[in-house]
Amino acid sequence: MPRVTRRPLAAADILDIWDYIAEDSLAAADRWVEQLDAKFRLRKSP
């Protein structure tokens, strides 16, 4: 399975996106990050 590394610039972008979403809803911002992390954890089938 490929390894996903969250680089510092990507982490900063994710935080910026979280901040933007959180202006309207903290819960939605948290859900977005959780969904993103879940996608990173997905294992591809052969």
PDB file of N, CA and C in Angstrom:
ATOM      1  N   MET A   1       0.846  -1.170   0.000  1.00  0.00           N
ATOM      2  CA  MET A   1       0.000   0.000   0.000  1.00  0.00           C
ATOM      3  C   MET A   1       0.895   1.237   0.000  1.00  0.00           C
ATOM      4  N   PRO A   2       0.582   2.222  -0.848  1.00  0.00           N
ATOM      5  CA  PRO A   2       1.406   3.427  -0.877  1.00  0.00           C
ATOM      6  C   PRO A   2       1.308   4.186   0.445  1.00  0.00           C
ATOM      7  N   ARG A   3       2.379   4.809   0.802  1.00  0.00           N
ATOM      8  CA  ARG A   3       2.418   5.598   2.028  1.00  0.00           C
ATOM      9  C   ARG A   3       2.106   7.057   1.686  1.00  0.00           C
ATOM     10  N   VAL A   4       1.252   7.661   2.484  1.00  0.00           N
ATOM     11  CA  VAL A   4       0.904   9.065   2.309  1.00  0.00           C
ATOM     12  C   VAL A   4       1.605   9.855   3.400  1.00  0.00           C
ATOM     13  N   THR A   5       2.398  10.825   2.981  1.00  0.00           N
ATOM     14  CA  THR A   5       3.100  11.681   3.925  1.00  0.00           C
ATOM     15  C   THR A   5       2.521  13.077   3.828  1.00  0.00           C
ATOM     16  N   ARG A   6       2.099  13.599   4.954  1.00  0.00           N
ATOM     17  CA  ARG A   6       1.547  14.952   4.980  1.00  0.00           C
ATOM     18  C   ARG A   6       2.709  15.916   5.192  1.00  0.00           C
ATOM     19  N   ARG A   7       3.104  16.577   4.128  1.00  0.00           N
ATOM     20  CA  ARG A   7       4.213  17.518   4.180  1.00  0.00           C
ATOM     21  C   ARG A   7       3.791  18.810   4.874  1.00  0.00           C
ATOM     22  N   PRO A   8       4.742  19.578   5.380  1.00  0.00           N
ATOM     23  CA  PRO A   8       4.410  20.804   6.112  1.00  0.00           C
ATOM     24  C   PRO A   8       3.534  21.782   5.313  1.00  0.00           C
ATOM     25  N   LEU A   9       3.812  21.962   4.044  1.00  0.00           N
ATOM     26  CA  LEU A   9       3.010  22.888   3.238  1.00  0.00           C
ATOM     27  C   LEU A   9       1.584  22.366   3.073  1.00  0.00           C
ATOM     28  N   ALA A  10       1.436  21.060   2.876  1.00  0.00           N
ATOM     29  CA  ALA A  10       0.103  20.464   2.768  1.00  0.00           C
ATOM     30  C   ALA A  10      -0.647  20.590   4.089  1.00  0.00           C
ATOM     31  N   ALA A  11       0.040  20.360   5.204  1.00  0.00           N
ATOM     32  CA  ALA A  11      -0.598  20.488   6.517  1.00  0.00           C
ATOM     33  C   ALA A  11      -1.063  21.922   6.748  1.00  0.00           C
ATOM     34  N   ALA A  12      -0.265  22.892   6.311  1.00  0.00           N
ATOM     35  CA  ALA A  12      -0.661  24.297   6.445  1.00  0.00           C
ATOM     36  C   ALA A  12      -1.884  24.600   5.588  1.00  0.00           C
ATOM     37  N   ASP A  13      -1.927  24.037   4.387  1.00  0.00           N
ATOM     38  CA  ASP A  13      -3.099  24.233   3.515  1.00  0.00           C
ATOM     39  C   ASP A  13      -4.347  23.624   4.145  1.00  0.00           C
ATOM     40  N   ILE A  14      -4.207  22.435   4.707  1.00  0.00           N
ATOM     41  CA  ILE A  14      -5.342  21.772   5.357  1.00  0.00           C
ATOM     42  C   ILE A  14      -5.844  22.617   6.527  1.00  0.00           C
ATOM     43  N   LEU A  15      -4.927  23.177   7.293  1.00  0.00           N
ATOM     44  CA  LEU A  15      -5.316  24.034   8.407  1.00  0.00           C
ATOM     45  C   LEU A  15      -6.038  25.295   7.907  1.00  0.00           C
ATOM     46  N   ASP A  16      -5.545  25.865   6.811  1.00  0.00           N
ATOM     47  CA  ASP A  16      -6.211  27.041   6.235  1.00  0.00           C
ATOM     48  C   ASP A  16      -7.631  26.706   5.789  1.00  0.00           C
ATOM     49  N   ILE A  17      -7.793  25.543   5.172  1.00  0.00           N
ATOM     50  CA  ILE A  17      -9.126  25.119   4.728  1.00  0.00           C
ATOM     51  C   ILE A  17     -10.016  24.876   5.947  1.00  0.00           C
ATOM     52  N   TRP A  18      -9.462  24.239   6.984  1.00  0.00           N
ATOM     53  CA  TRP A  18     -10.224  24.013   8.208  1.00  0.00           C
ATOM     54  C   TRP A  18     -10.696  25.352   8.795  1.00  0.00           C
ATOM     55  N   ASP A  19      -9.784  26.326   8.858  1.00  0.00           N
ATOM     56  CA  ASP A  19     -10.145  27.661   9.380  1.00  0.00           C
ATOM     57  C   ASP A  19     -11.288  28.275   8.590  1.00  0.00           C
ATOM     58  N   TYR A  20     -11.221  28.160   7.274  1.00  0.00           N
ATOM     59  CA  TYR A  20     -12.252  28.734   6.405  1.00  0.00           C
ATOM     60  C   TYR A  20     -13.613  28.081   6.678  1.00  0.00           C
ATOM     61  N   ILE A  21     -13.634  26.757   6.744  1.00  0.00           N
ATOM     62  CA  ILE A  21     -14.883  26.041   7.003  1.00  0.00           C
ATOM     63  C   ILE A  21     -15.380  26.335   8.423  1.00  0.00           C
ATOM     64  N   ALA A  22     -14.459  26.418   9.375  1.00  0.00           N
ATOM     65  CA  ALA A  22     -14.813  26.631  10.775  1.00  0.00           C
ATOM     66  C   ALA A  22     -15.461  27.992  11.021  1.00  0.00           C
ATOM     67  N   GLU A  23     -15.249  28.943  10.118  1.00  0.00           N
ATOM     68  CA  GLU A  23     -15.911  30.237  10.259  1.00  0.00           C
ATOM     69  C   GLU A  23     -17.427  30.067  10.285  1.00  0.00           C
ATOM     70  N   ASP A  24     -17.914  29.056   9.578  1.00  0.00           N
ATOM     71  CA  ASP A  24     -19.354  28.762   9.555  1.00  0.00           C
ATOM     72  C   ASP A  24     -19.738  27.672  10.545  1.00  0.00           C
ATOM     73  N   SER A  25     -18.842  26.667  10.695  1.00  0.00           N
ATOM     74  CA  SER A  25     -19.203  25.532  11.544  1.00  0.00           C
ATOM     75  C   SER A  25     -17.951  24.757  11.958  1.00  0.00           C
ATOM     76  N   LEU A  26     -17.690  24.743  13.261  1.00  0.00           N
ATOM     77  CA  LEU A  26     -16.563  23.952  13.772  1.00  0.00           C
ATOM     78  C   LEU A  26     -16.776  22.467  13.513  1.00  0.00           C
ATOM     79  N   ALA A  27     -18.006  22.016  13.692  1.00  0.00           N
ATOM     80  CA  ALA A  27     -18.309  20.591  13.491  1.00  0.00           C
ATOM     81  C   ALA A  27     -18.062  20.189  12.039  1.00  0.00           C
ATOM     82  N   ALA A  28     -18.460  21.035  11.104  1.00  0.00           N
ATOM     83  CA  ALA A  28     -18.251  20.728   9.690  1.00  0.00           C
ATOM     84  C   ALA A  28     -16.760  20.704   9.354  1.00  0.00           C
ATOM     85  N   ALA A  29     -16.005  21.620   9.933  1.00  0.00           N
ATOM     86  CA  ALA A  29     -14.558  21.651   9.692  1.00  0.00           C
ATOM     87  C   ALA A  29     -13.910  20.374  10.221  1.00  0.00           C
ATOM     88  N   ASP A  30     -14.310  19.951  11.411  1.00  0.00           N
ATOM     89  CA  ASP A  30     -13.774  18.709  11.977  1.00  0.00           C
ATOM     90  C   ASP A  30     -14.155  17.509  11.120  1.00  0.00           C
ATOM     91  N   ARG A  31     -15.411  17.471  10.659  1.00  0.00           N
ATOM     92  CA  ARG A  31     -15.859  16.366   9.796  1.00  0.00           C
ATOM     93  C   ARG A  31     -15.044  16.312   8.520  1.00  0.00           C
ATOM     94  N   TRP A  32     -14.757  17.482   7.948  1.00  0.00           N
ATOM     95  CA  TRP A  32     -13.998  17.528   6.694  1.00  0.00           C
ATOM     96  C   TRP A  32     -12.609  16.917   6.889  1.00  0.00           C
ATOM     97  N   VAL A  33     -11.939  17.291   7.985  1.00  0.00           N
ATOM     98  CA  VAL A  33     -10.607  16.745   8.253  1.00  0.00           C
ATOM     99  C   VAL A  33     -10.689  15.239   8.508  1.00  0.00           C
ATOM    100  N   GLU A  34     -11.700  14.802   9.242  1.00  0.00           N
ATOM    101  CA  GLU A  34     -11.868  13.365   9.501  1.00  0.00           C
ATOM    102  C   GLU A  34     -12.086  12.601   8.196  1.00  0.00           C
ATOM    103  N   GLN A  35     -12.891  13.154   7.302  1.00  0.00           N
ATOM    104  CA  GLN A  35     -13.127  12.501   6.012  1.00  0.00           C
ATOM    105  C   GLN A  35     -11.857  12.469   5.171  1.00  0.00           C
ATOM    106  N   LEU A  36     -11.097  13.543   5.200  1.00  0.00           N
ATOM    107  CA  LEU A  36      -9.833  13.582   4.470  1.00  0.00           C
ATOM    108  C   LEU A  36      -8.881  12.524   5.008  1.00  0.00           C
ATOM    109  N   ASP A  37      -8.751  12.453   6.321  1.00  0.00           N
ATOM    110  CA  ASP A  37      -7.884  11.440   6.936  1.00  0.00           C
ATOM    111  C   ASP A  37      -8.353  10.022   6.592  1.00  0.00           C
ATOM    112  N   ALA A  38      -9.658   9.809   6.561  1.00  0.00           N
ATOM    113  CA  ALA A  38     -10.192   8.488   6.203  1.00  0.00           C
ATOM    114  C   ALA A  38      -9.811   8.119   4.779  1.00  0.00           C
ATOM    115  N   LYS A  39      -9.850   9.089   3.884  1.00  0.00           N
ATOM    116  CA  LYS A  39      -9.460   8.824   2.489  1.00  0.00           C
ATOM    117  C   LYS A  39      -7.986   8.435   2.413  1.00  0.00           C
ATOM    118  N   PHE A  40      -7.153   9.083   3.211  1.00  0.00           N
ATOM    119  CA  PHE A  40      -5.733   8.743   3.220  1.00  0.00           C
ATOM    120  C   PHE A  40      -5.497   7.327   3.715  1.00  0.00           C
ATOM    121  N   ARG A  41      -6.367   6.834   4.580  1.00  0.00           N
ATOM    122  CA  ARG A  41      -6.211   5.499   5.153  1.00  0.00           C
ATOM    123  C   ARG A  41      -6.768   4.389   4.258  1.00  0.00           C
ATOM    124  N   LEU A  42      -7.535   4.737   3.229  1.00  0.00           N
ATOM    125  CA  LEU A  42      -8.155   3.705   2.379  1.00  0.00           C
ATOM    126  C   LEU A  42      -7.109   2.820   1.745  1.00  0.00           C
ATOM    127  N   ARG A  43      -7.399   1.553   1.730  1.00  0.00           N
ATOM    128  CA  ARG A  43      -6.510   0.591   1.072  1.00  0.00           C
ATOM    129  C   ARG A  43      -7.098   0.252  -0.289  1.00  0.00           C
ATOM    130  N   LYS A  44      -6.299   0.353  -1.311  1.00  0.00           N
ATOM    131  CA  LYS A  44      -6.771   0.021  -2.661  1.00  0.00           C
ATOM    132  C   LYS A  44      -6.773  -1.489  -2.860  1.00  0.00           C
ATOM    133  N   SER A  45      -7.822  -1.967  -3.511  1.00  0.00           N
ATOM    134  CA  SER A  45      -7.903  -3.394  -3.828  1.00  0.00           C
ATOM    135  C   SER A  45      -7.104  -3.687  -5.066  1.00  0.00           C
ATOM    136  N   PRO A  46      -6.515  -4.889  -5.141  1.00  0.00           N
ATOM    137  CA  PRO A  46      -5.728  -5.243  -6.352  1.00  0.00           C
ATOM    138  C   PRO A  46      -6.617  -5.459  -7.544  1.00  0.00           C
TER     139      PRO A  46
END
